[in-house]
Amino acid sequence: MPLEICDLNLNEAFFHDNNKDVDSTYAELYPSDSSQPDNGQRRNSSSQRTTQRTNDPTEERDGCTSIACPAGYRSIREDKDGVFPCQECEHNFLNPYLGANKCFDIENSKVLLALYNATNGPSWTDDPEKTWSNSKVPPCQKKGVTCNSNNEIISLELKDMGLEGSLPEDLGFLRFMEILDVSQNKLTGRVPSELRWAPLIKLDLADNRMTGLVPLSLCQKLGINGNGIGGIFTCDTIACAVGYYNSVGHADEGYGGEKCMPCATGIFLGSTQCDAVPVTTFGMGYAGESILVLLGLAAIYGLWFLYKRSKIAKEEMMNISEYETDELNQPPDQLAGMGHVEVKVKDEWSSQKESTKEVWL
C-alpha cells in the first residue's frame, strides 16, 4: 500500500458500528461546531493521518489497513470486506493480494483436492486405479502427477480424463509446476488469472469449453508456450481466442510461428479445428446424449414422412394429368358436347355476375 494514500480519515465511518448511515456518522465524527471536544475533530497532522503499522494489524487500525489488508493477510470480518481487522495467513497458506478475505492453501494435497472437487472428480476417466479418489495415495503417485526429488509437483498432465467444471484458482499456487495439460476435457468457465503465479513453461487448454478472454497477466508472462520470445507477448500464445483456431489450440511463438486463424463458428477458447458448432450435452451425461439421439431419430422420421407425403402428392398429380389427357383424346362428337357445356357454364357465370353488378363494382 503506497504511504501517500494511507489515511485514517479514509473510510472512518465504516468502522463505527452505530447503525447509522455514513453521512450521519461523519457529521458526528467531524462536527463543524468548534465547541465539540478535540477527539471529534478530523485528523489533520501527517503523523495522525498516515499512522504506520507499528503494531499487529489485527490489534490496531492504521491509515493503510483502513483501506485494505496487506498481502499475506486476510480480513477476518465478513461485514468489513478486505479491511481492518486483518489476520496473517496461517502456515502453508498464501495471499498475494491486497484487501483479500481468504488465504490460499498451498499444500500439494489440498490443491489437488480442490482441483478434483471443482472438476467433478468422481466422473473422471482413465484412472483405473482410482488414485485421485483415494486420499491415502500420496500426491506424487496420483495419475498424471509428476514431482521432483523434493516431492514438489512440477507437472500435471490430465489430458482427456473427463474433467468437467471450472479450473480452481488454487492451481496457480503450485509453486514449482512447470507443465499443466488439461486439454481435450469438458472444462467450462474462464481461465483463472492465478495461473500467473506458477512458473509455467507449458500450458495446454485446447479442446475444452472455456470462454471469455485469456487474462492479461498470463498474456504478459514470459515463457509460457514460448510467450515473449523475440520480445513478442500475445494472448494467442496461451490459447486461441473465441472465434479462432490452431492445430494445437494456441499460436506458436515468434514471428514465423503458426498463428491462430479466424473461424466463424468457433465459440470456445483453444479450438484446434474449425467445424460446425459443436454439439454439447451441457453436463447432462448419458441422459443428455440419449435425448439428443431421440431428437435425431425424430428428425429423421419427420423428413421421411414429408418425403412420403410429397411422393404421394406427386403421384396424385400425375394421375389427374393422365385423366385430363384421356378426356382430350375423346371422339370429336363428345368433345363438341363438352364444349357446349363449357360455354353454357360460362354464360351462366356471366349472367350471375351481371345480376350482382353492385357487388362486383
Protein backbone atom coordinates (compact mmCIF):
# COMPACT_ATOMS: atom_id res chain seq x y z
CA MET A 1 0.00 0.00 0.00
CA PRO A 2 1.61 3.35 -1.02
CA LEU A 3 2.29 5.51 2.04
CA GLU A 4 0.90 8.57 0.26
CA ILE A 5 -2.67 7.27 0.33
CA CYS A 6 -2.65 5.73 3.83
CA ASP A 7 -5.08 7.90 5.79
CA LEU A 8 -7.03 7.14 8.95
CA ASN A 9 -9.72 9.54 7.78
CA LEU A 10 -10.49 7.35 4.82
CA ASN A 11 -13.42 5.00 5.47
CA GLU A 12 -13.60 6.35 9.03
CA ALA A 13 -17.37 5.98 9.32
CA PHE A 14 -17.09 2.45 8.05
CA PHE A 15 -15.53 1.33 11.35
CA HIS A 16 -18.16 2.76 13.68
CA ASP A 17 -20.95 0.30 14.47
CA ASN A 18 -23.67 2.76 15.28
CA ASN A 19 -26.25 1.53 12.74
CA LYS A 20 -26.35 4.96 11.15
CA ASP A 21 -25.74 5.93 7.58
CA VAL A 22 -22.33 7.20 6.54
CA ASP A 23 -23.33 10.89 6.32
CA SER A 24 -24.74 10.90 9.85
CA THR A 25 -21.67 9.15 11.20
CA TYR A 26 -19.34 11.68 9.57
CA ALA A 27 -21.42 14.52 10.99
CA GLU A 28 -20.83 13.11 14.48
CA LEU A 29 -17.15 12.37 13.95
CA TYR A 30 -16.28 15.72 12.35
CA PRO A 31 -18.76 18.35 13.55
CA SER A 32 -18.43 21.89 12.26
CA ASP A 33 -19.10 23.31 15.75
CA SER A 34 -15.72 24.18 17.31
CA SER A 35 -17.17 23.68 20.78
CA GLN A 36 -17.01 19.92 20.29
CA PRO A 37 -14.11 18.08 22.02
CA ASP A 38 -10.84 17.62 20.17
CA ASN A 39 -11.34 13.89 19.66
CA GLY A 40 -14.24 14.72 17.36
CA GLN A 41 -12.10 16.79 15.04
CA ARG A 42 -10.76 15.41 11.80
CA ARG A 43 -7.16 14.18 11.96
CA ASN A 44 -5.04 16.67 10.08
CA SER A 45 -1.44 16.10 11.08
CA SER A 46 0.72 13.92 8.89
CA SER A 47 1.56 11.55 11.76
CA GLN A 48 -2.10 11.07 12.58
CA ARG A 49 -3.21 10.59 9.02
CA THR A 50 -0.58 8.07 8.00
CA THR A 51 -0.14 6.12 11.22
CA GLN A 52 2.10 3.28 10.14
CA ARG A 53 1.88 -0.41 11.00
CA THR A 54 3.96 -0.38 14.17
CA ASN A 55 1.63 -2.95 15.77
CA ASP A 56 -0.16 -6.09 14.66
CA PRO A 57 -2.82 -5.22 12.02
CA THR A 58 -5.25 -7.40 13.98
CA GLU A 59 -4.94 -5.17 17.04
CA GLU A 60 -4.72 -1.55 15.86
CA ARG A 61 -6.15 0.08 12.77
CA ASP A 62 -3.86 2.43 10.86
CA GLY A 63 -4.07 4.54 7.75
CA CYS A 64 -3.20 1.62 5.50
CA THR A 65 -5.38 -1.13 6.94
CA SER A 66 -8.26 1.36 6.82
CA ILE A 67 -8.06 0.96 3.04
CA ALA A 68 -7.01 -2.67 2.57
CA CYS A 69 -5.37 -5.53 4.43
CA PRO A 70 -1.79 -6.06 3.21
CA ALA A 71 -0.60 -9.02 1.16
CA GLY A 72 -0.02 -12.02 3.39
CA TYR A 73 -3.07 -11.11 5.47
CA ARG A 74 -6.82 -11.50 5.14
CA SER A 75 -9.76 -9.60 6.53
CA ILE A 76 -11.48 -11.53 9.31
CA ARG A 77 -14.79 -9.67 9.42
CA GLU A 78 -17.34 -10.50 6.76
CA ASP A 79 -19.07 -7.13 7.06
CA LYS A 80 -15.75 -5.27 6.66
CA ASP A 81 -14.71 -6.53 3.26
CA GLY A 82 -10.93 -6.62 2.81
CA VAL A 83 -10.05 -4.08 5.53
CA PHE A 84 -9.14 -3.99 9.23
CA PRO A 85 -9.11 -6.15 11.30
CA CYS A 86 -6.59 -8.24 9.36
CA GLN A 87 -5.15 -11.65 10.19
CA GLU A 88 -1.89 -13.06 8.91
CA CYS A 89 -2.17 -16.13 6.69
CA GLU A 90 -1.54 -19.40 8.53
CA HIS A 91 1.34 -21.77 7.78
CA ASN A 92 1.06 -23.32 4.29
CA PHE A 93 -1.38 -20.59 3.28
CA LEU A 94 -0.63 -17.69 0.96
CA ASN A 95 -2.31 -14.50 -0.20
CA PRO A 96 -0.52 -12.27 -2.75
CA TYR A 97 -3.33 -9.69 -2.93
CA LEU A 98 -4.27 -6.50 -1.12
CA GLY A 99 -7.68 -6.41 0.52
CA ALA A 100 -8.37 -10.14 0.42
CA ASN A 101 -10.84 -12.14 2.51
CA LYS A 102 -9.09 -15.51 2.11
CA CYS A 103 -5.70 -17.11 2.04
CA PHE A 104 -4.94 -19.94 -0.38
CA ASP A 105 -3.86 -23.34 0.83
CA ILE A 106 -0.62 -24.15 -0.99
CA GLU A 107 -0.14 -27.68 0.36
CA ASN A 108 0.07 -30.06 -2.60
CA SER A 109 -2.61 -32.46 -1.40
CA LYS A 110 -5.08 -29.65 -0.70
CA VAL A 111 -4.55 -28.07 -4.13
CA LEU A 112 -5.11 -31.40 -5.88
CA LEU A 113 -8.23 -32.00 -3.78
CA ALA A 114 -9.56 -28.58 -4.80
CA LEU A 115 -8.99 -29.50 -8.46
CA TYR A 116 -10.66 -32.89 -8.02
CA ASN A 117 -13.74 -31.39 -6.35
CA ALA A 118 -14.07 -28.49 -8.79
CA THR A 119 -13.97 -30.70 -11.89
CA ASN A 120 -16.39 -33.47 -10.89
CA GLY A 121 -13.63 -35.89 -9.88
CA PRO A 122 -15.85 -38.98 -9.45
CA SER A 123 -16.70 -38.87 -13.16
CA TRP A 124 -13.05 -38.73 -14.32
CA THR A 125 -11.93 -41.41 -16.75
CA ASP A 126 -8.57 -43.05 -17.48
CA ASP A 127 -7.74 -43.53 -13.80
CA PRO A 128 -8.31 -47.28 -13.40
CA GLU A 129 -6.58 -47.49 -10.03
CA LYS A 130 -8.66 -44.61 -8.62
CA THR A 131 -5.55 -42.78 -7.42
CA TRP A 132 -7.34 -39.43 -7.24
CA SER A 133 -10.33 -40.58 -5.21
CA ASN A 134 -8.11 -42.40 -2.70
CA SER A 135 -6.91 -39.92 -0.10
CA LYS A 136 -4.25 -42.40 1.05
CA VAL A 137 -2.42 -42.18 -2.28
CA PRO A 138 0.35 -39.54 -2.00
CA PRO A 139 0.04 -36.57 -4.38
CA CYS A 140 3.11 -37.61 -6.37
CA GLN A 141 1.65 -41.06 -7.05
CA LYS A 142 -1.65 -39.86 -8.50
CA LYS A 143 -2.40 -40.36 -12.18
CA GLY A 144 -0.82 -37.60 -14.30
CA VAL A 145 1.21 -36.02 -11.48
CA THR A 146 4.99 -35.69 -11.70
CA CYS A 147 7.13 -34.47 -8.80
CA ASN A 148 10.76 -33.53 -8.31
CA SER A 149 13.14 -35.07 -5.77
CA ASN A 150 11.65 -32.86 -3.04
CA ASN A 151 8.11 -34.16 -3.71
CA GLU A 152 7.06 -30.84 -5.19
CA ILE A 153 4.62 -31.03 -8.11
CA ILE A 154 6.29 -29.96 -11.34
CA SER A 155 3.80 -31.35 -13.85
CA LEU A 156 0.05 -32.02 -14.10
CA GLU A 157 -0.89 -33.88 -17.29
CA LEU A 158 -4.61 -34.69 -17.28
CA LYS A 159 -5.33 -34.81 -20.99
CA ASP A 160 -8.65 -36.42 -22.00
CA MET A 161 -9.54 -37.60 -18.48
CA GLY A 162 -13.14 -36.36 -18.45
CA LEU A 163 -12.69 -33.24 -16.31
CA GLU A 164 -15.92 -31.21 -16.09
CA GLY A 165 -16.37 -27.83 -14.44
CA SER A 166 -14.01 -24.90 -13.94
CA LEU A 167 -10.33 -24.85 -13.07
CA PRO A 168 -9.87 -23.67 -9.45
CA GLU A 169 -7.72 -20.64 -8.80
CA ASP A 170 -5.76 -22.71 -6.25
CA LEU A 171 -3.81 -24.33 -9.12
CA GLY A 172 -1.79 -21.16 -9.55
CA PHE A 173 -0.21 -21.67 -6.14
CA LEU A 174 1.63 -24.86 -7.03
CA ARG A 175 4.95 -23.07 -6.72
CA PHE A 176 7.01 -25.49 -8.80
CA MET A 177 4.52 -26.50 -11.52
CA GLU A 178 6.04 -26.04 -14.98
CA ILE A 179 3.57 -28.08 -17.06
CA LEU A 180 -0.23 -28.04 -16.95
CA ASP A 181 -2.05 -30.05 -19.62
CA VAL A 182 -5.84 -30.26 -19.28
CA SER A 183 -6.61 -30.47 -23.00
CA GLN A 184 -9.45 -32.50 -24.54
CA ASN A 185 -11.71 -32.36 -21.49
CA LYS A 186 -15.07 -30.69 -20.80
CA LEU A 187 -13.84 -27.73 -18.78
CA THR A 188 -16.02 -24.63 -18.76
CA GLY A 189 -15.78 -21.13 -17.32
CA ARG A 190 -12.77 -18.86 -17.61
CA VAL A 191 -9.01 -19.24 -17.36
CA PRO A 192 -8.00 -18.38 -13.75
CA SER A 193 -5.59 -15.46 -13.65
CA GLU A 194 -3.88 -17.05 -10.62
CA LEU A 195 -2.03 -19.35 -13.02
CA ARG A 196 0.42 -16.49 -13.46
CA TRP A 197 1.92 -17.28 -10.05
CA ALA A 198 3.09 -20.74 -11.18
CA PRO A 199 6.41 -20.99 -13.10
CA LEU A 200 4.68 -22.48 -16.14
CA ILE A 201 6.55 -23.16 -19.36
CA LYS A 202 3.76 -25.23 -20.95
CA LEU A 203 0.02 -24.62 -20.65
CA ASP A 204 -2.39 -26.66 -22.80
CA LEU A 205 -6.08 -25.72 -22.59
CA ALA A 206 -7.04 -26.97 -26.07
CA ASP A 207 -10.37 -28.55 -26.94
CA ASN A 208 -12.39 -27.66 -23.88
CA ARG A 209 -15.48 -25.48 -23.49
CA MET A 210 -13.83 -22.50 -21.86
CA THR A 211 -14.96 -18.99 -22.75
CA GLY A 212 -14.05 -15.39 -22.05
CA LEU A 213 -10.62 -13.85 -22.52
CA VAL A 214 -7.17 -15.06 -21.59
CA PRO A 215 -6.17 -12.99 -18.51
CA LEU A 216 -3.80 -10.18 -19.42
CA SER A 217 -1.46 -11.23 -16.61
CA LEU A 218 -0.90 -14.54 -18.44
CA CYS A 219 -0.51 -12.83 -21.81
CA GLN A 220 2.33 -10.77 -20.36
CA LYS A 221 4.08 -13.66 -18.62
CA LEU A 222 7.40 -14.70 -20.09
CA GLY A 223 7.98 -18.31 -21.08
CA ILE A 224 4.51 -19.93 -21.24
CA ASN A 225 4.41 -21.83 -24.57
CA GLY A 226 7.32 -19.66 -25.68
CA ASN A 227 5.49 -16.41 -24.98
CA GLY A 228 7.80 -13.40 -25.07
CA ILE A 229 10.45 -14.98 -27.30
CA GLY A 230 11.85 -12.25 -29.54
CA GLY A 231 10.02 -9.68 -27.43
CA ILE A 232 6.59 -10.83 -28.67
CA PHE A 233 3.92 -11.24 -25.99
CA THR A 234 0.47 -12.32 -27.18
CA CYS A 235 -2.60 -13.91 -25.62
CA ASP A 236 -2.82 -16.26 -28.62
CA THR A 237 0.36 -17.98 -27.41
CA ILE A 238 -1.60 -19.02 -24.32
CA ALA A 239 -4.80 -20.08 -26.14
CA CYS A 240 -6.54 -19.10 -29.38
CA ALA A 241 -9.34 -16.66 -28.69
CA VAL A 242 -13.01 -17.40 -29.23
CA GLY A 243 -13.62 -17.32 -32.99
CA TYR A 244 -10.10 -18.53 -33.85
CA TYR A 245 -8.31 -21.88 -34.05
CA ASN A 246 -4.91 -23.53 -34.44
CA SER A 247 -3.92 -27.16 -34.84
CA VAL A 248 -2.54 -27.17 -31.29
CA GLY A 249 -5.03 -24.74 -29.74
CA HIS A 250 -2.61 -21.83 -29.43
CA ALA A 251 -0.25 -19.84 -31.65
CA ASP A 252 3.40 -20.77 -31.99
CA GLU A 253 5.95 -18.39 -30.54
CA GLY A 254 7.86 -15.79 -32.54
CA TYR A 255 7.28 -14.08 -35.86
CA GLY A 256 7.43 -17.20 -38.04
CA GLY A 257 5.18 -19.44 -35.95
CA GLU A 258 1.76 -20.71 -36.93
CA LYS A 259 -0.90 -18.19 -35.99
CA CYS A 260 -4.47 -18.60 -34.81
CA MET A 261 -6.80 -18.47 -37.82
CA PRO A 262 -10.33 -16.97 -37.93
CA CYS A 263 -13.26 -19.37 -37.51
CA ALA A 264 -16.81 -18.04 -37.82
CA THR A 265 -18.29 -20.98 -35.91
CA GLY A 266 -15.76 -21.02 -33.07
CA ILE A 267 -17.35 -20.48 -29.65
CA PHE A 268 -14.64 -21.72 -27.26
CA LEU A 269 -11.08 -20.83 -26.31
CA GLY A 270 -8.27 -23.04 -27.59
CA SER A 271 -10.04 -24.63 -30.57
CA THR A 272 -7.90 -26.96 -32.70
CA GLN A 273 -10.20 -27.10 -35.71
CA CYS A 274 -12.94 -25.08 -37.37
CA ASP A 275 -16.03 -27.22 -37.81
CA ALA A 276 -19.73 -26.77 -37.38
CA VAL A 277 -20.87 -25.54 -33.99
CA PRO A 278 -20.10 -28.47 -31.67
CA VAL A 279 -22.98 -30.31 -30.04
CA THR A 280 -22.86 -30.35 -26.26
CA THR A 281 -25.00 -32.04 -23.66
CA PHE A 282 -24.17 -29.26 -21.15
CA GLY A 283 -23.11 -31.69 -18.48
CA MET A 284 -26.22 -33.91 -18.74
CA GLY A 285 -24.10 -37.06 -19.26
CA TYR A 286 -25.71 -40.16 -20.69
CA ALA A 287 -29.22 -38.77 -20.19
CA GLY A 288 -28.41 -35.73 -22.30
CA GLU A 289 -26.81 -37.85 -25.00
CA SER A 290 -29.87 -40.13 -25.07
CA ILE A 291 -32.16 -37.13 -25.52
CA LEU A 292 -30.05 -35.91 -28.43
CA VAL A 293 -30.24 -39.37 -30.05
CA LEU A 294 -34.03 -39.43 -29.70
CA LEU A 295 -34.30 -35.95 -31.17
CA GLY A 296 -32.14 -37.05 -34.09
CA LEU A 297 -34.35 -40.08 -34.74
CA ALA A 298 -37.46 -37.90 -34.55
CA ALA A 299 -35.94 -35.52 -37.10
CA ILE A 300 -35.12 -38.42 -39.45
CA TYR A 301 -38.68 -39.78 -39.16
CA GLY A 302 -40.09 -36.31 -39.84
CA LEU A 303 -38.03 -35.99 -43.00
CA TRP A 304 -39.12 -39.48 -44.13
CA PHE A 305 -42.79 -38.61 -43.51
CA LEU A 306 -42.51 -35.40 -45.54
CA TYR A 307 -40.84 -37.32 -48.34
CA LYS A 308 -43.67 -39.87 -48.45
CA ARG A 309 -46.29 -37.13 -48.44
CA SER A 310 -44.53 -35.36 -51.27
CA LYS A 311 -44.25 -38.61 -53.26
CA ILE A 312 -47.98 -39.41 -52.82
CA ALA A 313 -48.97 -35.90 -53.83
CA LYS A 314 -46.82 -36.15 -56.93
CA GLU A 315 -48.43 -39.45 -57.93
CA GLU A 316 -51.91 -37.96 -57.50
CA MET A 317 -50.98 -35.03 -59.72
CA MET A 318 -49.71 -37.44 -62.38
CA ASN A 319 -52.99 -39.41 -62.26
CA ILE A 320 -55.01 -36.22 -62.69
CA SER A 321 -52.84 -35.20 -65.63
CA GLU A 322 -53.34 -38.60 -67.29
CA TYR A 323 -57.10 -38.36 -66.79
CA GLU A 324 -57.27 -34.94 -68.44
CA THR A 325 -55.20 -36.23 -71.34
CA ASP A 326 -57.62 -39.14 -71.81
CA GLU A 327 -60.55 -36.75 -71.85
CA LEU A 328 -58.97 -34.61 -74.55
CA ASN A 329 -58.44 -37.72 -76.68
CA GLN A 330 -62.20 -38.43 -76.83
CA PRO A 331 -64.03 -38.51 -80.29
CA PRO A 332 -64.98 -35.16 -81.82
CA ASP A 333 -68.71 -35.58 -81.20
CA GLN A 334 -68.08 -35.99 -77.45
CA LEU A 335 -65.70 -33.07 -77.44
CA ALA A 336 -68.35 -30.92 -79.08
CA GLY A 337 -70.74 -31.77 -76.28
CA MET A 338 -68.18 -30.91 -73.73
CA GLY A 339 -67.57 -27.60 -75.41
CA HIS A 340 -71.30 -26.84 -75.33
CA VAL A 341 -71.42 -27.49 -71.62
CA GLU A 342 -68.38 -25.32 -71.00
CA VAL A 343 -69.88 -22.40 -72.87
CA LYS A 344 -73.11 -22.85 -71.06
CA VAL A 345 -71.36 -22.72 -67.72
CA LYS A 346 -69.52 -19.59 -68.75
CA ASP A 347 -72.76 -18.00 -69.87
CA GLU A 348 -74.40 -18.83 -66.59
CA TRP A 349 -71.44 -17.35 -64.71
CA SER A 350 -71.60 -14.19 -66.80
CA SER A 351 -75.30 -13.79 -66.19
CA GLN A 352 -74.82 -14.22 -62.46
CA LYS A 353 -72.05 -11.66 -62.49
CA GLU A 354 -74.37 -9.18 -64.24
CA SER A 355 -77.19 -9.89 -61.81
CA THR A 356 -74.94 -8.89 -58.91
CA LYS A 357 -73.39 -5.94 -60.60
CA GLU A 358 -73.22 -3.80 -57.47
CA VAL A 359 -71.17 -6.42 -55.67
CA TRP A 360 -68.61 -6.70 -58.48
CA LEU A 361 -68.17 -2.95 -58.64
